[in-house]
Amino acid sequence: MAISHVTDQTFSTETNDGLVLADFWAPWCGPCKMIAPVLEELDADMGDKVKIVKLDVDENQETASKFGVMSIPTLVVFKNGEVVDKVVGFQPKEALEELLNKHA
């Protein structure tokens, strides 16, 4: 499944079903750029189990604020619309796989 870009308007619809990893990021953020290829690999390996969405915090401040995002990248794990986990900063692929498998 491809990684989707979501907005304040589409966020709740895109995260309300199944296991979803939401990446709160911004184009100017160095660590966000570093984690992008990791998320692509994760999507290739686990795309059948987890949906990955990206939310640009500069353009969608309402959703970032709602989930208390203060630093980016922040990765929030949703299961059927509920927040079940959250990590801040760059994470290696293995750590993200472990994080997601905990909730699969």
PDB file of N, CA and C in Angstrom:
ATOM      1  N   MET A   1       0.858  -1.180   0.000  1.00  0.00           N
ATOM      2  CA  MET A   1       0.000   0.000   0.000  1.00  0.00           C
ATOM      3  C   MET A   1       0.903   1.242   0.000  1.00  0.00           C
ATOM      4  N   ALA A   2       0.575   2.229  -0.767  1.00  0.00           N
ATOM      5  CA  ALA A   2       1.387   3.445  -0.833  1.00  0.00           C
ATOM      6  C   ALA A   2       1.157   4.319   0.395  1.00  0.00           C
ATOM      7  N   ILE A   3       2.152   5.120   0.713  1.00  0.00           N
ATOM      8  CA  ILE A   3       2.038   6.065   1.821  1.00  0.00           C
ATOM      9  C   ILE A   3       1.147   7.221   1.377  1.00  0.00           C
ATOM     10  N   SER A   4       0.173   7.575   2.209  1.00  0.00           N
ATOM     11  CA  SER A   4      -0.769   8.646   1.876  1.00  0.00           C
ATOM     12  C   SER A   4      -0.387   9.933   2.583  1.00  0.00           C
ATOM     13  N   HIS A   5      -0.626  11.048   1.910  1.00  0.00           N
ATOM     14  CA  HIS A   5      -0.478  12.357   2.551  1.00  0.00           C
ATOM     15  C   HIS A   5      -1.865  12.793   2.987  1.00  0.00           C
ATOM     16  N   VAL A   6      -1.983  13.154   4.271  1.00  0.00           N
ATOM     17  CA  VAL A   6      -3.288  13.510   4.823  1.00  0.00           C
ATOM     18  C   VAL A   6      -3.279  14.959   5.299  1.00  0.00           C
ATOM     19  N   THR A   7      -4.475  15.487   5.541  1.00  0.00           N
ATOM     20  CA  THR A   7      -4.648  16.867   5.986  1.00  0.00           C
ATOM     21  C   THR A   7      -5.504  16.887   7.249  1.00  0.00           C
ATOM     22  N   ASP A   8      -5.692  18.075   7.825  1.00  0.00           N
ATOM     23  CA  ASP A   8      -6.592  18.217   8.970  1.00  0.00           C
ATOM     24  C   ASP A   8      -7.967  17.640   8.631  1.00  0.00           C
ATOM     25  N   GLN A   9      -8.409  17.838   7.382  1.00  0.00           N
ATOM     26  CA  GLN A   9      -9.744  17.412   6.963  1.00  0.00           C
ATOM     27  C   GLN A   9      -9.852  15.898   6.793  1.00  0.00           C
ATOM     28  N   THR A  10      -8.776  15.230   6.374  1.00  0.00           N
ATOM     29  CA  THR A  10      -8.857  13.794   6.078  1.00  0.00           C
ATOM     30  C   THR A  10      -8.246  12.902   7.160  1.00  0.00           C
ATOM     31  N   PHE A  11      -7.572  13.498   8.129  1.00  0.00           N
ATOM     32  CA  PHE A  11      -6.810  12.724   9.106  1.00  0.00           C
ATOM     33  C   PHE A  11      -7.652  11.678   9.844  1.00  0.00           C
ATOM     34  N   SER A  12      -8.773  12.087  10.428  1.00  0.00           N
ATOM     35  CA  SER A  12      -9.552  11.133  11.240  1.00  0.00           C
ATOM     36  C   SER A  12     -10.109   9.992  10.390  1.00  0.00           C
ATOM     37  N   THR A  13     -10.500  10.271   9.155  1.00  0.00           N
ATOM     38  CA  THR A  13     -11.010   9.227   8.265  1.00  0.00           C
ATOM     39  C   THR A  13      -9.910   8.223   7.932  1.00  0.00           C
ATOM     40  N   GLU A  14      -8.705   8.739   7.704  1.00  0.00           N
ATOM     41  CA  GLU A  14      -7.587   7.889   7.289  1.00  0.00           C
ATOM     42  C   GLU A  14      -6.994   7.073   8.432  1.00  0.00           C
ATOM     43  N   THR A  15      -7.272   7.453   9.682  1.00  0.00           N
ATOM     44  CA  THR A  15      -6.656   6.758  10.820  1.00  0.00           C
ATOM     45  C   THR A  15      -7.659   5.972  11.664  1.00  0.00           C
ATOM     46  N   ASN A  16      -8.899   5.855  11.222  1.00  0.00           N
ATOM     47  CA  ASN A  16      -9.916   5.245  12.087  1.00  0.00           C
ATOM     48  C   ASN A  16     -10.101   3.746  11.901  1.00  0.00           C
ATOM     49  N   ASP A  17      -9.385   3.121  10.979  1.00  0.00           N
ATOM     50  CA  ASP A  17      -9.616   1.707  10.718  1.00  0.00           C
ATOM     51  C   ASP A  17      -8.297   0.941  10.661  1.00  0.00           C
ATOM     52  N   GLY A  18      -8.177  -0.084  11.503  1.00  0.00           N
ATOM     53  CA  GLY A  18      -6.982  -0.924  11.480  1.00  0.00           C
ATOM     54  C   GLY A  18      -5.788  -0.255  12.120  1.00  0.00           C
ATOM     55  N   LEU A  19      -4.598  -0.754  11.786  1.00  0.00           N
ATOM     56  CA  LEU A  19      -3.344  -0.254  12.332  1.00  0.00           C
ATOM     57  C   LEU A  19      -2.782   0.813  11.389  1.00  0.00           C
ATOM     58  N   VAL A  20      -2.536   2.006  11.940  1.00  0.00           N
ATOM     59  CA  VAL A  20      -2.052   3.128  11.128  1.00  0.00           C
ATOM     60  C   VAL A  20      -0.870   3.789  11.827  1.00  0.00           C
ATOM     61  N   LEU A  21       0.195   4.049  11.067  1.00  0.00           N
ATOM     62  CA  LEU A  21       1.341   4.800  11.558  1.00  0.00           C
ATOM     63  C   LEU A  21       1.274   6.184  10.937  1.00  0.00           C
ATOM     64  N   ALA A  22       1.114   7.211  11.781  1.00  0.00           N
ATOM     65  CA  ALA A  22       1.029   8.587  11.284  1.00  0.00           C
ATOM     66  C   ALA A  22       2.351   9.293  11.540  1.00  0.00           C
ATOM     67  N   ASP A  23       2.933   9.823  10.479  1.00  0.00           N
ATOM     68  CA  ASP A  23       4.198  10.552  10.549  1.00  0.00           C
ATOM     69  C   ASP A  23       3.889  12.048  10.507  1.00  0.00           C
ATOM     70  N   PHE A  24       4.128  12.735  11.631  1.00  0.00           N
ATOM     71  CA  PHE A  24       3.975  14.191  11.692  1.00  0.00           C
ATOM     72  C   PHE A  24       5.334  14.773  11.317  1.00  0.00           C
ATOM     73  N   TRP A  25       5.392  15.543  10.221  1.00  0.00           N
ATOM     74  CA  TRP A  25       6.663  15.989   9.660  1.00  0.00           C
ATOM     75  C   TRP A  25       6.533  17.386   9.062  1.00  0.00           C
ATOM     76  N   ALA A  26       7.653  17.912   8.565  1.00  0.00           N
ATOM     77  CA  ALA A  26       7.673  19.172   7.807  1.00  0.00           C
ATOM     78  C   ALA A  26       8.797  19.088   6.784  1.00  0.00           C
ATOM     79  N   PRO A  27       8.638  19.775   5.646  1.00  0.00           N
ATOM     80  CA  PRO A  27       9.642  19.696   4.578  1.00  0.00           C
ATOM     81  C   PRO A  27      11.038  20.211   4.983  1.00  0.00           C
ATOM     82  N   TRP A  28      11.107  21.128   5.940  1.00  0.00           N
ATOM     83  CA  TRP A  28      12.391  21.712   6.349  1.00  0.00           C
ATOM     84  C   TRP A  28      13.119  20.896   7.414  1.00  0.00           C
ATOM     85  N   CYS A  29      12.513  19.824   7.886  1.00  0.00           N
ATOM     86  CA  CYS A  29      13.030  19.046   9.013  1.00  0.00           C
ATOM     87  C   CYS A  29      14.011  17.968   8.532  1.00  0.00           C
ATOM     88  N   GLY A  30      15.278  18.083   8.931  1.00  0.00           N
ATOM     89  CA  GLY A  30      16.313  17.123   8.523  1.00  0.00           C
ATOM     90  C   GLY A  30      16.003  15.685   8.918  1.00  0.00           C
ATOM     91  N   PRO A  31      15.730  15.417  10.219  1.00  0.00           N
ATOM     92  CA  PRO A  31      15.418  14.040  10.621  1.00  0.00           C
ATOM     93  C   PRO A  31      14.170  13.481   9.921  1.00  0.00           C
ATOM     94  N   CYS A  32      13.233  14.369   9.556  1.00  0.00           N
ATOM     95  CA  CYS A  32      12.036  13.921   8.823  1.00  0.00           C
ATOM     96  C   CYS A  32      12.434  13.384   7.456  1.00  0.00           C
ATOM     97  N   LYS A  33      13.394  14.059   6.820  1.00  0.00           N
ATOM     98  CA  LYS A  33      13.875  13.607   5.511  1.00  0.00           C
ATOM     99  C   LYS A  33      14.612  12.283   5.646  1.00  0.00           C
ATOM    100  N   MET A  34      15.323  12.105   6.776  1.00  0.00           N
ATOM    101  CA  MET A  34      16.067  10.861   7.003  1.00  0.00           C
ATOM    102  C   MET A  34      15.122   9.676   7.216  1.00  0.00           C
ATOM    103  N   ILE A  35      13.974   9.925   7.844  1.00  0.00           N
ATOM    104  CA  ILE A  35      13.069   8.809   8.161  1.00  0.00           C
ATOM    105  C   ILE A  35      12.185   8.431   6.963  1.00  0.00           C
ATOM    106  N   ALA A  36      12.054   9.327   5.988  1.00  0.00           N
ATOM    107  CA  ALA A  36      11.185   9.054   4.828  1.00  0.00           C
ATOM    108  C   ALA A  36      11.526   7.739   4.124  1.00  0.00           C
ATOM    109  N   PRO A  37      12.808   7.471   3.785  1.00  0.00           N
ATOM    110  CA  PRO A  37      13.099   6.191   3.119  1.00  0.00           C
ATOM    111  C   PRO A  37      12.854   4.983   4.034  1.00  0.00           C
ATOM    112  N   VAL A  38      13.016   5.167   5.338  1.00  0.00           N
ATOM    113  CA  VAL A  38      12.737   4.090   6.295  1.00  0.00           C
ATOM    114  C   VAL A  38      11.249   3.743   6.256  1.00  0.00           C
ATOM    115  N   LEU A  39      10.400   4.782   6.187  1.00  0.00           N
ATOM    116  CA  LEU A  39       8.954   4.551   6.114  1.00  0.00           C
ATOM    117  C   LEU A  39       8.574   3.875   4.801  1.00  0.00           C
ATOM    118  N   GLU A  40       9.264   4.224   3.711  1.00  0.00           N
ATOM    119  CA  GLU A  40       9.017   3.579   2.416  1.00  0.00           C
ATOM    120  C   GLU A  40       9.337   2.083   2.499  1.00  0.00           C
ATOM    121  N   GLU A  41      10.475   1.748   3.135  1.00  0.00           N
ATOM    122  CA  GLU A  41      10.858   0.343   3.306  1.00  0.00           C
ATOM    123  C   GLU A  41       9.840  -0.385   4.176  1.00  0.00           C
ATOM    124  N   LEU A  42       9.441   0.273   5.238  1.00  0.00           N
ATOM    125  CA  LEU A  42       8.454  -0.300   6.157  1.00  0.00           C
ATOM    126  C   LEU A  42       7.145  -0.581   5.414  1.00  0.00           C
ATOM    127  N   ASP A  43       6.753   0.365   4.568  1.00  0.00           N
ATOM    128  CA  ASP A  43       5.530   0.192   3.780  1.00  0.00           C
ATOM    129  C   ASP A  43       5.660  -1.011   2.837  1.00  0.00           C
ATOM    130  N   ALA A  44       6.833  -1.165   2.238  1.00  0.00           N
ATOM    131  CA  ALA A  44       7.060  -2.293   1.326  1.00  0.00           C
ATOM    132  C   ALA A  44       6.994  -3.623   2.080  1.00  0.00           C
ATOM    133  N   ASP A  45       7.529  -3.649   3.304  1.00  0.00           N
ATOM    134  CA  ASP A  45       7.580  -4.886   4.090  1.00  0.00           C
ATOM    135  C   ASP A  45       6.289  -5.194   4.843  1.00  0.00           C
ATOM    136  N   MET A  46       5.610  -4.150   5.337  1.00  0.00           N
ATOM    137  CA  MET A  46       4.466  -4.361   6.233  1.00  0.00           C
ATOM    138  C   MET A  46       3.177  -3.727   5.726  1.00  0.00           C
ATOM    139  N   GLY A  47       3.167  -3.296   4.475  1.00  0.00           N
ATOM    140  CA  GLY A  47       2.024  -2.588   3.913  1.00  0.00           C
ATOM    141  C   GLY A  47       0.704  -3.337   3.979  1.00  0.00           C
ATOM    142  N   ASP A  48       0.787  -4.669   4.075  1.00  0.00           N
ATOM    143  CA  ASP A  48      -0.442  -5.458   4.174  1.00  0.00           C
ATOM    144  C   ASP A  48      -1.013  -5.434   5.603  1.00  0.00           C
ATOM    145  N   LYS A  49      -0.178  -5.062   6.595  1.00  0.00           N
ATOM    146  CA  LYS A  49      -0.603  -5.051   7.997  1.00  0.00           C
ATOM    147  C   LYS A  49      -0.855  -3.654   8.539  1.00  0.00           C
ATOM    148  N   VAL A  50      -0.175  -2.670   7.959  1.00  0.00           N
ATOM    149  CA  VAL A  50      -0.235  -1.312   8.501  1.00  0.00           C
ATOM    150  C   VAL A  50      -0.344  -0.290   7.369  1.00  0.00           C
ATOM    151  N   LYS A  51      -1.103   0.746   7.626  1.00  0.00           N
ATOM    152  CA  LYS A  51      -1.236   1.862   6.682  1.00  0.00           C
ATOM    153  C   LYS A  51      -0.348   2.983   7.220  1.00  0.00           C
ATOM    154  N   ILE A  52       0.406   3.626   6.346  1.00  0.00           N
ATOM    155  CA  ILE A  52       1.272   4.734   6.764  1.00  0.00           C
ATOM    156  C   ILE A  52       0.753   6.023   6.140  1.00  0.00           C
ATOM    157  N   VAL A  53       0.575   7.036   6.986  1.00  0.00           N
ATOM    158  CA  VAL A  53       0.126   8.349   6.510  1.00  0.00           C
ATOM    159  C   VAL A  53       1.104   9.411   6.996  1.00  0.00           C
ATOM    160  N   LYS A  54       1.226  10.484   6.212  1.00  0.00           N
ATOM    161  CA  LYS A  54       2.111  11.599   6.565  1.00  0.00           C
ATOM    162  C   LYS A  54       1.286  12.878   6.651  1.00  0.00           C
ATOM    163  N   LEU A  55       1.552  13.661   7.695  1.00  0.00           N
ATOM    164  CA  LEU A  55       0.846  14.922   7.887  1.00  0.00           C
ATOM    165  C   LEU A  55       1.869  16.044   8.034  1.00  0.00           C
ATOM    166  N   ASP A  56       1.839  17.000   7.124  1.00  0.00           N
ATOM    167  CA  ASP A  56       2.723  18.172   7.172  1.00  0.00           C
ATOM    168  C   ASP A  56       2.211  19.098   8.280  1.00  0.00           C
ATOM    169  N   VAL A  57       3.004  19.245   9.358  1.00  0.00           N
ATOM    170  CA  VAL A  57       2.540  20.009  10.530  1.00  0.00           C
ATOM    171  C   VAL A  57       2.432  21.503  10.247  1.00  0.00           C
ATOM    172  N   ASP A  58       3.175  22.009   9.275  1.00  0.00           N
ATOM    173  CA  ASP A  58       3.087  23.440   8.942  1.00  0.00           C
ATOM    174  C   ASP A  58       1.745  23.773   8.300  1.00  0.00           C
ATOM    175  N   GLU A  59       1.256  22.855   7.474  1.00  0.00           N
ATOM    176  CA  GLU A  59       0.003  23.090   6.756  1.00  0.00           C
ATOM    177  C   GLU A  59      -1.215  22.580   7.515  1.00  0.00           C
ATOM    178  N   ASN A  60      -0.997  21.768   8.550  1.00  0.00           N
ATOM    179  CA  ASN A  60      -2.099  21.126   9.271  1.00  0.00           C
ATOM    180  C   ASN A  60      -1.884  21.214  10.781  1.00  0.00           C
ATOM    181  N   GLN A  61      -1.831  22.433  11.273  1.00  0.00           N
ATOM    182  CA  GLN A  61      -1.494  22.671  12.680  1.00  0.00           C
ATOM    183  C   GLN A  61      -2.572  22.184  13.646  1.00  0.00           C
ATOM    184  N   GLU A  62      -3.819  22.164  13.203  1.00  0.00           N
ATOM    185  CA  GLU A  62      -4.915  21.743  14.071  1.00  0.00           C
ATOM    186  C   GLU A  62      -4.726  20.295  14.547  1.00  0.00           C
ATOM    187  N   THR A  63      -4.434  19.396  13.617  1.00  0.00           N
ATOM    188  CA  THR A  63      -4.256  17.983  13.970  1.00  0.00           C
ATOM    189  C   THR A  63      -2.991  17.793  14.798  1.00  0.00           C
ATOM    190  N   ALA A  64      -1.904  18.469  14.430  1.00  0.00           N
ATOM    191  CA  ALA A  64      -0.658  18.365  15.196  1.00  0.00           C
ATOM    192  C   ALA A  64      -0.880  18.813  16.641  1.00  0.00           C
ATOM    193  N   SER A  65      -1.609  19.889  16.815  1.00  0.00           N
ATOM    194  CA  SER A  65      -1.913  20.400  18.138  1.00  0.00           C
ATOM    195  C   SER A  65      -2.797  19.428  18.923  1.00  0.00           C
ATOM    196  N   LYS A  66      -3.783  18.869  18.255  1.00  0.00           N
ATOM    197  CA  LYS A  66      -4.709  17.925  18.894  1.00  0.00           C
ATOM    198  C   LYS A  66      -3.977  16.733  19.510  1.00  0.00           C
ATOM    199  N   PHE A  67      -2.908  16.294  18.847  1.00  0.00           N
ATOM    200  CA  PHE A  67      -2.157  15.143  19.334  1.00  0.00           C
ATOM    201  C   PHE A  67      -0.887  15.533  20.087  1.00  0.00           C
ATOM    202  N   GLY A  68      -0.767  16.804  20.444  1.00  0.00           N
ATOM    203  CA  GLY A  68       0.336  17.263  21.278  1.00  0.00           C
ATOM    204  C   GLY A  68       1.703  17.145  20.637  1.00  0.00           C
ATOM    205  N   VAL A  69       1.768  17.304  19.331  1.00  0.00           N
ATOM    206  CA  VAL A  69       3.045  17.190  18.630  1.00  0.00           C
ATOM    207  C   VAL A  69       3.843  18.479  18.848  1.00  0.00           C
ATOM    208  N   MET A  70       4.965  18.351  19.555  1.00  0.00           N
ATOM    209  CA  MET A  70       5.830  19.491  19.853  1.00  0.00           C
ATOM    210  C   MET A  70       7.131  19.429  19.065  1.00  0.00           C
ATOM    211  N   SER A  71       7.600  18.210  18.788  1.00  0.00           N
ATOM    212  CA  SER A  71       8.842  17.994  18.047  1.00  0.00           C
ATOM    213  C   SER A  71       8.533  17.088  16.872  1.00  0.00           C
ATOM    214  N   ILE A  72       9.323  17.241  15.810  1.00  0.00           N
ATOM    215  CA  ILE A  72       9.124  16.373  14.652  1.00  0.00           C
ATOM    216  C   ILE A  72      10.465  15.756  14.255  1.00  0.00           C
ATOM    217  N   PRO A  73      10.462  14.569  13.667  1.00  0.00           N
ATOM    218  CA  PRO A  73       9.265  13.785  13.394  1.00  0.00           C
ATOM    219  C   PRO A  73       8.673  13.160  14.659  1.00  0.00           C
ATOM    220  N   THR A  74       7.358  13.136  14.715  1.00  0.00           N
ATOM    221  CA  THR A  74       6.632  12.382  15.730  1.00  0.00           C
ATOM    222  C   THR A  74       5.834  11.327  14.989  1.00  0.00           C
ATOM    223  N   LEU A  75       5.957  10.094  15.449  1.00  0.00           N
ATOM    224  CA  LEU A  75       5.233   8.980  14.831  1.00  0.00           C
ATOM    225  C   LEU A  75       4.214   8.482  15.840  1.00  0.00           C
ATOM    226  N   VAL A  76       2.955   8.499  15.433  1.00  0.00           N
ATOM    227  CA  VAL A  76       1.870   8.075  16.314  1.00  0.00           C
ATOM    228  C   VAL A  76       1.224   6.826  15.716  1.00  0.00           C
ATOM    229  N   VAL A  77       1.057   5.813  16.559  1.00  0.00           N
ATOM    230  CA  VAL A  77       0.427   4.566  16.118  1.00  0.00           C
ATOM    231  C   VAL A  77      -1.035   4.587  16.560  1.00  0.00           C
ATOM    232  N   PHE A  78      -1.921   4.367  15.598  1.00  0.00           N
ATOM    233  CA  PHE A  78      -3.359   4.294  15.857  1.00  0.00           C
ATOM    234  C   PHE A  78      -3.831   2.872  15.616  1.00  0.00           C
ATOM    235  N   LYS A  79      -4.749   2.406  16.450  1.00  0.00           N
ATOM    236  CA  LYS A  79      -5.411   1.129  16.195  1.00  0.00           C
ATOM    237  C   LYS A  79      -6.904   1.412  16.271  1.00  0.00           C
ATOM    238  N   ASN A  80      -7.566   1.259  15.135  1.00  0.00           N
ATOM    239  CA  ASN A  80      -9.006   1.543  15.020  1.00  0.00           C
ATOM    240  C   ASN A  80      -9.369   2.926  15.566  1.00  0.00           C
ATOM    241  N   GLY A  81      -8.538   3.909  15.227  1.00  0.00           N
ATOM    242  CA  GLY A  81      -8.831   5.296  15.582  1.00  0.00           C
ATOM    243  C   GLY A  81      -8.318   5.752  16.934  1.00  0.00           C
ATOM    244  N   GLU A  82      -7.805   4.828  17.759  1.00  0.00           N
ATOM    245  CA  GLU A  82      -7.304   5.179  19.086  1.00  0.00           C
ATOM    246  C   GLU A  82      -5.780   5.209  19.081  1.00  0.00           C
ATOM    247  N   VAL A  83      -5.183   6.200  19.757  1.00  0.00           N
ATOM    248  CA  VAL A  83      -3.730   6.264  19.882  1.00  0.00           C
ATOM    249  C   VAL A  83      -3.282   5.138  20.809  1.00  0.00           C
ATOM    250  N   VAL A  84      -2.357   4.296  20.315  1.00  0.00           N
ATOM    251  CA  VAL A  84      -1.851   3.203  21.147  1.00  0.00           C
ATOM    252  C   VAL A  84      -0.357   3.336  21.424  1.00  0.00           C
ATOM    253  N   ASP A  85       0.340   4.206  20.683  1.00  0.00           N
ATOM    254  CA  ASP A  85       1.767   4.398  20.917  1.00  0.00           C
ATOM    255  C   ASP A  85       2.231   5.668  20.223  1.00  0.00           C
ATOM    256  N   LYS A  86       3.410   6.165  20.668  1.00  0.00           N
ATOM    257  CA  LYS A  86       3.942   7.410  20.101  1.00  0.00           C
ATOM    258  C   LYS A  86       5.447   7.431  20.323  1.00  0.00           C
ATOM    259  N   VAL A  87       6.203   7.792  19.293  1.00  0.00           N
ATOM    260  CA  VAL A  87       7.654   7.967  19.422  1.00  0.00           C
ATOM    261  C   VAL A  87       8.041   9.277  18.747  1.00  0.00           C
ATOM    262  N   VAL A  88       9.073   9.909  19.294  1.00  0.00           N
ATOM    263  CA  VAL A  88       9.541  11.185  18.760  1.00  0.00           C
ATOM    264  C   VAL A  88      10.978  11.028  18.281  1.00  0.00           C
ATOM    265  N   GLY A  89      11.271  11.600  17.112  1.00  0.00           N
ATOM    266  CA  GLY A  89      12.625  11.573  16.573  1.00  0.00           C
ATOM    267  C   GLY A  89      12.830  10.421  15.607  1.00  0.00           C
ATOM    268  N   PHE A  90      14.002  10.445  14.968  1.00  0.00           N
ATOM    269  CA  PHE A  90      14.344   9.401  13.999  1.00  0.00           C
ATOM    270  C   PHE A  90      14.363   8.044  14.686  1.00  0.00           C
ATOM    271  N   GLN A  91      13.801   7.048  14.018  1.00  0.00           N
ATOM    272  CA  GLN A  91      13.798   5.669  14.516  1.00  0.00           C
ATOM    273  C   GLN A  91      14.292   4.754  13.399  1.00  0.00           C
ATOM    274  N   PRO A  92      15.162   3.792  13.722  1.00  0.00           N
ATOM    275  CA  PRO A  92      15.553   2.828  12.688  1.00  0.00           C
ATOM    276  C   PRO A  92      14.380   1.912  12.341  1.00  0.00           C
ATOM    277  N   LYS A  93      14.455   1.308  11.178  1.00  0.00           N
ATOM    278  CA  LYS A  93      13.375   0.450  10.684  1.00  0.00           C
ATOM    279  C   LYS A  93      13.032  -0.655  11.682  1.00  0.00           C
ATOM    280  N   GLU A  94      14.058  -1.266  12.265  1.00  0.00           N
ATOM    281  CA  GLU A  94      13.831  -2.374  13.197  1.00  0.00           C
ATOM    282  C   GLU A  94      12.992  -1.928  14.392  1.00  0.00           C
ATOM    283  N   ALA A  95      13.279  -0.736  14.906  1.00  0.00           N
ATOM    284  CA  ALA A  95      12.534  -0.215  16.069  1.00  0.00           C
ATOM    285  C   ALA A  95      11.075   0.031  15.692  1.00  0.00           C
ATOM    286  N   LEU A  96      10.841   0.540  14.482  1.00  0.00           N
ATOM    287  CA  LEU A  96       9.472   0.796  14.036  1.00  0.00           C
ATOM    288  C   LEU A  96       8.720  -0.518  13.789  1.00  0.00           C
ATOM    289  N   GLU A  97       9.417  -1.517  13.251  1.00  0.00           N
ATOM    290  CA  GLU A  97       8.783  -2.827  13.051  1.00  0.00           C
ATOM    291  C   GLU A  97       8.339  -3.410  14.392  1.00  0.00           C
ATOM    292  N   GLU A  98       9.227  -3.314  15.374  1.00  0.00           N
ATOM    293  CA  GLU A  98       8.914  -3.821  16.720  1.00  0.00           C
ATOM    294  C   GLU A  98       7.721  -3.076  17.310  1.00  0.00           C
ATOM    295  N   LEU A  99       7.733  -1.753  17.165  1.00  0.00           N
ATOM    296  CA  LEU A  99       6.656  -0.912  17.663  1.00  0.00           C
ATOM    297  C   LEU A  99       5.309  -1.328  17.045  1.00  0.00           C
ATOM    298  N   LEU A 100       5.299  -1.519  15.741  1.00  0.00           N
ATOM    299  CA  LEU A 100       4.062  -1.878  15.038  1.00  0.00           C
ATOM    300  C   LEU A 100       3.624  -3.308  15.332  1.00  0.00           C
ATOM    301  N   ASN A 101       4.577  -4.234  15.412  1.00  0.00           N
ATOM    302  CA  ASN A 101       4.232  -5.631  15.682  1.00  0.00           C
ATOM    303  C   ASN A 101       3.627  -5.811  17.063  1.00  0.00           C
ATOM    304  N   LYS A 102       3.970  -4.926  17.988  1.00  0.00           N
ATOM    305  CA  LYS A 102       3.394  -4.945  19.332  1.00  0.00           C
ATOM    306  C   LYS A 102       1.875  -4.761  19.281  1.00  0.00           C
ATOM    307  N   HIS A 103       1.401  -4.034  18.264  1.00  0.00           N
ATOM    308  CA  HIS A 103      -0.013  -3.674  18.179  1.00  0.00           C
ATOM    309  C   HIS A 103      -0.764  -4.376  17.045  1.00  0.00           C
ATOM    310  N   ALA A 104      -0.042  -5.181  16.278  1.00  0.00           N
ATOM    311  CA  ALA A 104      -0.654  -5.841  15.105  1.00  0.00           C
ATOM    312  C   ALA A 104      -1.681  -6.886  15.505  1.00  0.00           C
TER     313      ALA A 104
END
